[in-house]
Amino acid sequence: MTEQESFTLPPDTLNEIGVLKRREIEARILGPVIEALSNEFDRERVVSRVRETIVGIARRQGAERAAQAGDTSLSAFASTAGDWRKGNAMDVEVLEQNDEHYSYDVTRCGYADMYRALGMADLGAVLSCNRDGSLIEGFNPDIALVRDQTIMQGAARCTFRYARRTK
């Protein structure tokens, strides 16, 4: 059991402020902590450990979302997307949404803009993008995410392709 798993936190209600604002608050704390640790230890190992921890958190948050929704379908998952879009956080083009597929492109990403503005463009994928695959695993492990590109990594758009795994 990891240190993070050794205690139980109360229910997480922070997304009520919008995920973009939440990520900014987290980045303003984690960025300096990562830098301080990187001055003492190998930066690659520090960032790797942060990535692993955030992936675990995202997986648990996905399971919590599924429990709150009482449904692990793609439709239920899609209905939770409002938190990520609050505060004009992104522009999205939905391409397909049904029981088997939920596909969309993000054409403007306020998260990428925010990390760049904070001088943390190199940490944006670690602190935000890496959560997406783990979040859906926690929500429903029978749903896969394929994302070939992200704005955070310099592409013109993020390509989110969720699909129910075939058995």
N, C-alpha and C. Protein backbone atom coordinates (compact mmCIF):
# COMPACT_ATOMS: atom_id res chain seq x y z
N MET A 1 0.84 -1.18 0.00
CA MET A 1 0.00 0.00 0.00
C MET A 1 0.89 1.25 0.00
N THR A 2 0.55 2.17 -0.89
CA THR A 2 1.33 3.40 -0.94
C THR A 2 0.87 4.36 0.14
N GLU A 3 1.68 5.36 0.39
CA GLU A 3 1.34 6.38 1.38
C GLU A 3 0.02 7.06 1.02
N GLN A 4 -0.19 7.31 -0.28
CA GLN A 4 -1.41 7.97 -0.75
C GLN A 4 -2.64 7.11 -0.47
N GLU A 5 -2.52 5.78 -0.52
CA GLU A 5 -3.65 4.89 -0.33
C GLU A 5 -3.87 4.53 1.13
N SER A 6 -3.01 4.95 2.03
CA SER A 6 -3.10 4.53 3.41
C SER A 6 -4.13 5.30 4.23
N PHE A 7 -4.75 6.30 3.65
CA PHE A 7 -5.79 7.02 4.37
C PHE A 7 -6.93 7.31 3.40
N THR A 8 -8.10 7.54 3.94
CA THR A 8 -9.28 7.80 3.12
C THR A 8 -9.60 9.28 3.16
N LEU A 9 -9.76 9.85 2.00
CA LEU A 9 -10.11 11.26 1.89
C LEU A 9 -11.63 11.42 1.85
N PRO A 10 -12.14 12.55 2.30
CA PRO A 10 -13.58 12.80 2.16
C PRO A 10 -13.91 12.95 0.67
N PRO A 11 -15.19 12.94 0.31
CA PRO A 11 -15.57 13.08 -1.10
C PRO A 11 -14.96 14.34 -1.72
N ASP A 12 -14.55 14.20 -2.98
CA ASP A 12 -13.90 15.28 -3.72
C ASP A 12 -14.97 16.12 -4.41
N THR A 13 -15.08 17.37 -4.03
CA THR A 13 -16.04 18.29 -4.65
C THR A 13 -15.35 19.44 -5.37
N LEU A 14 -14.05 19.35 -5.54
CA LEU A 14 -13.29 20.46 -6.11
C LEU A 14 -13.63 20.78 -7.56
N ASN A 15 -14.16 19.81 -8.32
CA ASN A 15 -14.47 20.10 -9.72
C ASN A 15 -15.61 21.10 -9.87
N GLU A 16 -16.29 21.39 -8.77
CA GLU A 16 -17.36 22.39 -8.82
C GLU A 16 -16.82 23.75 -9.27
N ILE A 17 -15.56 24.02 -9.01
CA ILE A 17 -14.95 25.29 -9.45
C ILE A 17 -14.51 25.22 -10.90
N GLY A 18 -14.62 24.03 -11.50
CA GLY A 18 -14.14 23.81 -12.86
C GLY A 18 -12.75 23.20 -12.82
N VAL A 19 -12.52 22.26 -13.70
CA VAL A 19 -11.25 21.53 -13.69
C VAL A 19 -10.10 22.44 -14.10
N LEU A 20 -10.32 23.38 -15.00
CA LEU A 20 -9.23 24.29 -15.41
C LEU A 20 -8.72 25.07 -14.21
N LYS A 21 -9.61 25.64 -13.42
CA LYS A 21 -9.20 26.40 -12.23
C LYS A 21 -8.53 25.46 -11.23
N ARG A 22 -9.06 24.25 -11.09
CA ARG A 22 -8.47 23.27 -10.19
C ARG A 22 -7.03 22.94 -10.63
N ARG A 23 -6.84 22.70 -11.92
CA ARG A 23 -5.50 22.36 -12.42
C ARG A 23 -4.53 23.54 -12.22
N GLU A 24 -5.02 24.77 -12.35
CA GLU A 24 -4.14 25.91 -12.13
C GLU A 24 -3.69 25.95 -10.67
N ILE A 25 -4.60 25.74 -9.76
CA ILE A 25 -4.24 25.73 -8.33
C ILE A 25 -3.22 24.62 -8.07
N GLU A 26 -3.48 23.44 -8.60
CA GLU A 26 -2.56 22.31 -8.41
C GLU A 26 -1.18 22.63 -9.00
N ALA A 27 -1.17 23.21 -10.20
CA ALA A 27 0.10 23.52 -10.87
C ALA A 27 0.91 24.55 -10.10
N ARG A 28 0.23 25.54 -9.53
CA ARG A 28 0.92 26.58 -8.77
C ARG A 28 1.56 26.02 -7.50
N ILE A 29 1.07 24.89 -7.04
CA ILE A 29 1.69 24.22 -5.88
C ILE A 29 2.70 23.18 -6.34
N LEU A 30 2.28 22.31 -7.25
CA LEU A 30 3.15 21.21 -7.68
C LEU A 30 4.37 21.67 -8.47
N GLY A 31 4.22 22.69 -9.30
CA GLY A 31 5.36 23.16 -10.09
C GLY A 31 6.57 23.50 -9.23
N PRO A 32 6.42 24.37 -8.25
CA PRO A 32 7.55 24.70 -7.38
C PRO A 32 8.05 23.49 -6.56
N VAL A 33 7.14 22.61 -6.15
CA VAL A 33 7.57 21.42 -5.41
C VAL A 33 8.41 20.53 -6.31
N ILE A 34 7.96 20.33 -7.54
CA ILE A 34 8.73 19.52 -8.50
C ILE A 34 10.10 20.15 -8.73
N GLU A 35 10.15 21.46 -8.90
CA GLU A 35 11.43 22.14 -9.12
C GLU A 35 12.36 21.97 -7.92
N ALA A 36 11.82 22.14 -6.72
CA ALA A 36 12.64 21.99 -5.51
C ALA A 36 13.17 20.57 -5.38
N LEU A 37 12.33 19.60 -5.62
CA LEU A 37 12.77 18.20 -5.55
C LEU A 37 13.80 17.90 -6.64
N SER A 38 13.61 18.51 -7.81
CA SER A 38 14.55 18.30 -8.91
C SER A 38 15.92 18.89 -8.63
N ASN A 39 15.99 19.88 -7.74
CA ASN A 39 17.28 20.44 -7.34
C ASN A 39 18.04 19.48 -6.43
N GLU A 40 17.32 18.60 -5.77
CA GLU A 40 17.93 17.64 -4.85
C GLU A 40 18.10 16.25 -5.46
N PHE A 41 17.17 15.88 -6.36
CA PHE A 41 17.14 14.54 -6.92
C PHE A 41 17.07 14.62 -8.44
N ASP A 42 17.25 13.51 -9.08
CA ASP A 42 17.18 13.43 -10.54
C ASP A 42 15.79 13.86 -11.03
N ARG A 43 15.75 14.91 -11.85
CA ARG A 43 14.46 15.47 -12.32
C ARG A 43 13.62 14.41 -13.03
N GLU A 44 14.24 13.60 -13.84
CA GLU A 44 13.50 12.58 -14.58
C GLU A 44 12.76 11.64 -13.62
N ARG A 45 13.43 11.26 -12.55
CA ARG A 45 12.81 10.36 -11.56
C ARG A 45 11.71 11.08 -10.78
N VAL A 46 11.92 12.34 -10.47
CA VAL A 46 10.90 13.12 -9.75
C VAL A 46 9.64 13.22 -10.62
N VAL A 47 9.81 13.61 -11.88
CA VAL A 47 8.66 13.77 -12.78
C VAL A 47 7.99 12.42 -13.02
N SER A 48 8.76 11.37 -13.13
CA SER A 48 8.20 10.02 -13.30
C SER A 48 7.33 9.63 -12.12
N ARG A 49 7.81 9.91 -10.92
CA ARG A 49 7.05 9.58 -9.71
C ARG A 49 5.77 10.43 -9.61
N VAL A 50 5.86 11.70 -9.99
CA VAL A 50 4.67 12.57 -10.02
C VAL A 50 3.67 12.00 -11.02
N ARG A 51 4.14 11.63 -12.21
CA ARG A 51 3.28 11.05 -13.25
C ARG A 51 2.56 9.81 -12.71
N GLU A 52 3.30 8.89 -12.10
CA GLU A 52 2.71 7.66 -11.56
C GLU A 52 1.64 7.97 -10.52
N THR A 53 1.92 8.92 -9.66
CA THR A 53 0.97 9.29 -8.61
C THR A 53 -0.30 9.88 -9.21
N ILE A 54 -0.14 10.77 -10.18
CA ILE A 54 -1.30 11.41 -10.80
C ILE A 54 -2.14 10.39 -11.57
N VAL A 55 -1.50 9.44 -12.23
CA VAL A 55 -2.23 8.39 -12.94
C VAL A 55 -3.08 7.59 -11.95
N GLY A 56 -2.53 7.27 -10.80
CA GLY A 56 -3.28 6.55 -9.78
C GLY A 56 -4.46 7.36 -9.26
N ILE A 57 -4.23 8.64 -9.03
CA ILE A 57 -5.31 9.53 -8.58
C ILE A 57 -6.42 9.56 -9.64
N ALA A 58 -6.05 9.69 -10.90
CA ALA A 58 -7.04 9.76 -11.98
C ALA A 58 -7.86 8.47 -12.06
N ARG A 59 -7.22 7.35 -11.89
CA ARG A 59 -7.93 6.07 -11.92
C ARG A 59 -8.99 6.03 -10.80
N ARG A 60 -8.60 6.45 -9.60
CA ARG A 60 -9.54 6.48 -8.47
C ARG A 60 -10.67 7.48 -8.73
N GLN A 61 -10.33 8.64 -9.32
CA GLN A 61 -11.36 9.63 -9.62
C GLN A 61 -12.35 9.09 -10.66
N GLY A 62 -11.86 8.32 -11.61
CA GLY A 62 -12.76 7.70 -12.60
C GLY A 62 -13.74 6.75 -11.94
N ALA A 63 -13.23 5.94 -11.00
CA ALA A 63 -14.10 5.01 -10.28
C ALA A 63 -15.13 5.78 -9.43
N GLU A 64 -14.70 6.88 -8.82
CA GLU A 64 -15.62 7.71 -8.03
C GLU A 64 -16.71 8.31 -8.92
N ARG A 65 -16.32 8.76 -10.11
CA ARG A 65 -17.30 9.33 -11.05
C ARG A 65 -18.33 8.28 -11.46
N ALA A 66 -17.87 7.07 -11.72
CA ALA A 66 -18.78 5.99 -12.10
C ALA A 66 -19.75 5.68 -10.96
N ALA A 67 -19.23 5.65 -9.76
CA ALA A 67 -20.09 5.37 -8.60
C ALA A 67 -21.12 6.49 -8.42
N GLN A 68 -20.70 7.74 -8.59
CA GLN A 68 -21.64 8.87 -8.47
C GLN A 68 -22.71 8.81 -9.54
N ALA A 69 -22.29 8.44 -10.76
CA ALA A 69 -23.23 8.37 -11.89
C ALA A 69 -24.15 7.15 -11.77
N GLY A 70 -23.66 6.10 -11.09
CA GLY A 70 -24.44 4.87 -11.02
C GLY A 70 -24.54 4.18 -12.37
N ASP A 71 -23.60 4.48 -13.25
CA ASP A 71 -23.65 4.00 -14.63
C ASP A 71 -22.25 4.11 -15.21
N THR A 72 -21.78 3.08 -15.89
CA THR A 72 -20.43 3.11 -16.47
C THR A 72 -20.46 3.14 -18.00
N SER A 73 -21.57 3.56 -18.57
CA SER A 73 -21.67 3.62 -20.03
C SER A 73 -20.92 4.83 -20.58
N LEU A 74 -20.68 4.79 -21.87
CA LEU A 74 -20.05 5.94 -22.53
C LEU A 74 -20.94 7.18 -22.44
N SER A 75 -22.24 6.98 -22.50
CA SER A 75 -23.16 8.12 -22.37
C SER A 75 -23.01 8.78 -21.00
N ALA A 76 -22.91 7.95 -19.96
CA ALA A 76 -22.74 8.49 -18.60
C ALA A 76 -21.41 9.22 -18.50
N PHE A 77 -20.35 8.65 -19.08
CA PHE A 77 -19.05 9.30 -19.05
C PHE A 77 -19.11 10.64 -19.78
N ALA A 78 -19.72 10.66 -20.96
CA ALA A 78 -19.84 11.90 -21.74
C ALA A 78 -20.59 12.96 -20.96
N SER A 79 -21.57 12.54 -20.17
CA SER A 79 -22.36 13.52 -19.41
C SER A 79 -21.55 14.19 -18.31
N THR A 80 -20.39 13.63 -17.95
CA THR A 80 -19.55 14.23 -16.91
C THR A 80 -18.57 15.26 -17.48
N ALA A 81 -18.56 15.45 -18.78
CA ALA A 81 -17.56 16.31 -19.43
C ALA A 81 -17.70 17.79 -19.08
N GLY A 82 -18.82 18.20 -18.56
CA GLY A 82 -19.03 19.61 -18.26
C GLY A 82 -18.00 20.21 -17.32
N ASP A 83 -17.54 19.42 -16.35
CA ASP A 83 -16.54 19.93 -15.40
C ASP A 83 -15.26 20.36 -16.11
N TRP A 84 -14.85 19.63 -17.13
CA TRP A 84 -13.60 19.95 -17.85
C TRP A 84 -13.77 21.17 -18.75
N ARG A 85 -14.99 21.49 -19.08
CA ARG A 85 -15.25 22.59 -20.01
C ARG A 85 -15.63 23.89 -19.31
N LYS A 86 -15.86 23.84 -18.01
CA LYS A 86 -16.26 25.04 -17.26
C LYS A 86 -15.23 26.15 -17.44
N GLY A 87 -15.71 27.38 -17.39
CA GLY A 87 -14.81 28.52 -17.47
C GLY A 87 -14.20 28.70 -18.84
N ASN A 88 -14.92 28.28 -19.89
CA ASN A 88 -14.42 28.42 -21.25
C ASN A 88 -13.07 27.72 -21.41
N ALA A 89 -12.94 26.55 -20.79
CA ALA A 89 -11.66 25.83 -20.74
C ALA A 89 -11.23 25.25 -22.08
N MET A 90 -12.17 24.96 -22.96
CA MET A 90 -11.78 24.38 -24.25
C MET A 90 -12.91 24.49 -25.25
N ASP A 91 -12.54 24.41 -26.52
CA ASP A 91 -13.52 24.32 -27.60
C ASP A 91 -13.47 22.89 -28.10
N VAL A 92 -14.65 22.30 -28.24
CA VAL A 92 -14.76 20.88 -28.59
C VAL A 92 -15.66 20.70 -29.79
N GLU A 93 -15.25 19.82 -30.70
CA GLU A 93 -16.10 19.38 -31.82
C GLU A 93 -16.42 17.91 -31.58
N VAL A 94 -17.67 17.61 -31.24
CA VAL A 94 -18.08 16.21 -31.04
C VAL A 94 -18.29 15.59 -32.42
N LEU A 95 -17.63 14.47 -32.65
CA LEU A 95 -17.69 13.79 -33.94
C LEU A 95 -18.67 12.62 -33.92
N GLU A 96 -18.74 11.93 -32.78
CA GLU A 96 -19.61 10.77 -32.65
C GLU A 96 -19.89 10.52 -31.18
N GLN A 97 -21.14 10.25 -30.86
CA GLN A 97 -21.50 9.95 -29.48
C GLN A 97 -22.67 8.98 -29.47
N ASN A 98 -22.37 7.75 -29.05
CA ASN A 98 -23.41 6.73 -28.93
C ASN A 98 -22.97 5.71 -27.87
N ASP A 99 -23.63 4.57 -27.81
CA ASP A 99 -23.31 3.58 -26.78
C ASP A 99 -21.94 2.91 -26.98
N GLU A 100 -21.41 2.96 -28.18
CA GLU A 100 -20.15 2.28 -28.49
C GLU A 100 -18.95 3.21 -28.65
N HIS A 101 -19.22 4.46 -29.05
CA HIS A 101 -18.14 5.41 -29.34
C HIS A 101 -18.47 6.81 -28.81
N TYR A 102 -17.44 7.46 -28.36
CA TYR A 102 -17.53 8.88 -28.00
C TYR A 102 -16.24 9.50 -28.52
N SER A 103 -16.37 10.22 -29.62
CA SER A 103 -15.20 10.79 -30.29
C SER A 103 -15.36 12.30 -30.42
N TYR A 104 -14.29 13.01 -30.07
CA TYR A 104 -14.33 14.45 -30.22
C TYR A 104 -12.91 14.97 -30.38
N ASP A 105 -12.82 16.18 -30.91
CA ASP A 105 -11.55 16.89 -31.03
C ASP A 105 -11.62 18.14 -30.17
N VAL A 106 -10.55 18.41 -29.47
CA VAL A 106 -10.41 19.68 -28.76
C VAL A 106 -9.64 20.59 -29.72
N THR A 107 -10.25 21.71 -30.08
CA THR A 107 -9.63 22.61 -31.06
C THR A 107 -8.97 23.82 -30.41
N ARG A 108 -9.30 24.08 -29.14
CA ARG A 108 -8.64 25.10 -28.35
C ARG A 108 -8.57 24.57 -26.93
N CYS A 109 -7.39 24.62 -26.33
CA CYS A 109 -7.18 24.04 -25.01
C CYS A 109 -6.68 25.10 -24.02
N GLY A 110 -7.56 25.52 -23.13
CA GLY A 110 -7.19 26.47 -22.10
C GLY A 110 -6.18 25.91 -21.11
N TYR A 111 -6.16 24.57 -20.99
CA TYR A 111 -5.18 23.93 -20.11
C TYR A 111 -3.77 24.15 -20.64
N ALA A 112 -3.58 23.91 -21.93
CA ALA A 112 -2.27 24.14 -22.54
C ALA A 112 -1.87 25.60 -22.42
N ASP A 113 -2.82 26.50 -22.67
CA ASP A 113 -2.55 27.94 -22.54
C ASP A 113 -2.13 28.29 -21.12
N MET A 114 -2.83 27.71 -20.14
CA MET A 114 -2.54 28.00 -18.74
C MET A 114 -1.16 27.52 -18.34
N TYR A 115 -0.80 26.28 -18.71
CA TYR A 115 0.53 25.77 -18.36
C TYR A 115 1.64 26.60 -19.02
N ARG A 116 1.42 27.02 -20.26
CA ARG A 116 2.41 27.87 -20.93
C ARG A 116 2.54 29.20 -20.20
N ALA A 117 1.41 29.80 -19.83
CA ALA A 117 1.42 31.10 -19.14
C ALA A 117 2.13 31.01 -17.80
N LEU A 118 2.05 29.84 -17.15
CA LEU A 118 2.73 29.65 -15.87
C LEU A 118 4.20 29.25 -16.03
N GLY A 119 4.64 29.10 -17.28
CA GLY A 119 6.01 28.68 -17.53
C GLY A 119 6.22 27.20 -17.25
N MET A 120 5.16 26.41 -17.36
CA MET A 120 5.21 24.98 -17.06
C MET A 120 4.75 24.13 -18.24
N ALA A 121 5.00 24.59 -19.43
CA ALA A 121 4.56 23.84 -20.61
C ALA A 121 5.09 22.41 -20.59
N ASP A 122 6.29 22.22 -20.05
CA ASP A 122 6.88 20.88 -20.02
C ASP A 122 6.17 19.96 -19.02
N LEU A 123 5.43 20.52 -18.08
CA LEU A 123 4.73 19.71 -17.08
C LEU A 123 3.25 19.52 -17.41
N GLY A 124 2.74 20.22 -18.40
CA GLY A 124 1.31 20.16 -18.72
C GLY A 124 0.81 18.76 -18.99
N ALA A 125 1.52 18.02 -19.81
CA ALA A 125 1.08 16.65 -20.11
C ALA A 125 1.11 15.78 -18.87
N VAL A 126 2.12 15.96 -18.03
CA VAL A 126 2.24 15.16 -16.80
C VAL A 126 1.10 15.48 -15.84
N LEU A 127 0.80 16.77 -15.68
CA LEU A 127 -0.19 17.18 -14.69
C LEU A 127 -1.63 17.10 -15.19
N SER A 128 -1.83 17.07 -16.51
CA SER A 128 -3.20 17.04 -17.04
C SER A 128 -3.45 15.90 -18.04
N CYS A 129 -2.79 15.92 -19.16
CA CYS A 129 -3.11 14.97 -20.24
C CYS A 129 -2.97 13.50 -19.82
N ASN A 130 -1.99 13.20 -18.99
CA ASN A 130 -1.78 11.81 -18.59
C ASN A 130 -2.94 11.24 -17.79
N ARG A 131 -3.81 12.08 -17.30
CA ARG A 131 -4.95 11.63 -16.50
C ARG A 131 -6.02 10.95 -17.35
N ASP A 132 -6.14 11.35 -18.59
CA ASP A 132 -7.30 10.97 -19.40
C ASP A 132 -7.48 9.46 -19.56
N GLY A 133 -6.43 8.76 -19.93
CA GLY A 133 -6.52 7.31 -20.11
C GLY A 133 -6.82 6.59 -18.81
N SER A 134 -6.21 7.03 -17.74
CA SER A 134 -6.43 6.40 -16.43
C SER A 134 -7.82 6.71 -15.89
N LEU A 135 -8.32 7.90 -16.16
CA LEU A 135 -9.65 8.26 -15.70
C LEU A 135 -10.69 7.31 -16.29
N ILE A 136 -10.60 7.04 -17.59
CA ILE A 136 -11.58 6.15 -18.21
C ILE A 136 -11.37 4.71 -17.75
N GLU A 137 -10.14 4.31 -17.49
CA GLU A 137 -9.89 2.97 -16.93
C GLU A 137 -10.60 2.80 -15.60
N GLY A 138 -10.53 3.82 -14.76
CA GLY A 138 -11.21 3.77 -13.48
C GLY A 138 -12.72 3.83 -13.63
N PHE A 139 -13.19 4.59 -14.59
CA PHE A 139 -14.62 4.73 -14.84
C PHE A 139 -15.20 3.43 -15.36
N ASN A 140 -14.54 2.85 -16.35
CA ASN A 140 -14.97 1.58 -16.93
C ASN A 140 -13.81 0.97 -17.70
N PRO A 141 -13.20 -0.08 -17.18
CA PRO A 141 -12.04 -0.67 -17.86
C PRO A 141 -12.38 -1.31 -19.21
N ASP A 142 -13.67 -1.42 -19.54
CA ASP A 142 -14.06 -1.95 -20.84
C ASP A 142 -14.14 -0.87 -21.91
N ILE A 143 -13.75 0.34 -21.56
CA ILE A 143 -13.71 1.44 -22.52
C ILE A 143 -12.25 1.85 -22.70
N ALA A 144 -11.84 2.00 -23.94
CA ALA A 144 -10.46 2.39 -24.25
C ALA A 144 -10.44 3.81 -24.81
N LEU A 145 -9.35 4.50 -24.54
CA LEU A 145 -9.12 5.82 -25.13
C LEU A 145 -7.91 5.74 -26.05
N VAL A 146 -8.09 6.21 -27.26
CA VAL A 146 -6.98 6.39 -28.19
C VAL A 146 -6.91 7.89 -28.47
N ARG A 147 -5.75 8.44 -28.23
CA ARG A 147 -5.54 9.87 -28.50
C ARG A 147 -4.19 9.98 -29.18
N ASP A 148 -4.21 10.28 -30.45
CA ASP A 148 -2.98 10.31 -31.25
C ASP A 148 -2.20 11.61 -31.12
N GLN A 149 -2.85 12.68 -30.69
CA GLN A 149 -2.14 13.96 -30.61
C GLN A 149 -2.82 14.87 -29.61
N THR A 150 -2.03 15.81 -29.09
CA THR A 150 -2.57 16.81 -28.15
C THR A 150 -2.01 18.18 -28.48
N ILE A 151 -2.78 19.18 -28.15
CA ILE A 151 -2.34 20.56 -28.29
C ILE A 151 -1.17 20.81 -27.34
N MET A 152 -1.22 20.19 -26.17
CA MET A 152 -0.16 20.36 -25.17
C MET A 152 1.20 19.98 -25.75
N GLN A 153 1.19 19.00 -26.65
CA GLN A 153 2.45 18.54 -27.25
C GLN A 153 2.70 19.16 -28.62
N GLY A 154 1.95 20.23 -28.94
CA GLY A 154 2.23 21.00 -30.15
C GLY A 154 1.33 20.75 -31.33
N ALA A 155 0.38 19.83 -31.24
CA ALA A 155 -0.53 19.56 -32.36
C ALA A 155 -1.58 20.66 -32.45
N ALA A 156 -2.28 20.72 -33.56
CA ALA A 156 -3.33 21.71 -33.76
C ALA A 156 -4.59 21.37 -32.97
N ARG A 157 -4.74 20.09 -32.62
CA ARG A 157 -5.93 19.64 -31.89
C ARG A 157 -5.63 18.38 -31.10
N CYS A 158 -6.46 18.12 -30.12
CA CYS A 158 -6.38 16.87 -29.37
C CYS A 158 -7.45 15.94 -29.94
N THR A 159 -7.11 14.70 -30.17
CA THR A 159 -8.04 13.74 -30.75
C THR A 159 -8.41 12.70 -29.69
N PHE A 160 -9.61 12.81 -29.17
CA PHE A 160 -10.11 11.87 -28.17
C PHE A 160 -11.02 10.87 -28.86
N ARG A 161 -10.68 9.59 -28.76
CA ARG A 161 -11.48 8.53 -29.36
C ARG A 161 -11.72 7.45 -28.31
N TYR A 162 -12.88 7.51 -27.68
CA TYR A 162 -13.26 6.51 -26.69
C TYR A 162 -14.09 5.45 -27.40
N ALA A 163 -13.84 4.19 -27.07
CA ALA A 163 -14.62 3.11 -27.67
C ALA A 163 -14.73 1.96 -26.69
N ARG A 164 -15.89 1.32 -26.72
CA ARG A 164 -16.10 0.13 -25.92
C ARG A 164 -15.20 -0.97 -26.51
N ARG A 165 -14.45 -1.62 -25.64
CA ARG A 165 -13.57 -2.71 -26.10
C ARG A 165 -14.42 -3.87 -26.56
N THR A 166 -14.01 -4.49 -27.65
CA THR A 166 -14.72 -5.68 -28.13
C THR A 166 -14.20 -6.89 -27.37
N LYS A 167 -15.11 -7.79 -27.05
CA LYS A 167 -14.71 -8.97 -26.27
C LYS A 167 -14.45 -10.16 -27.14
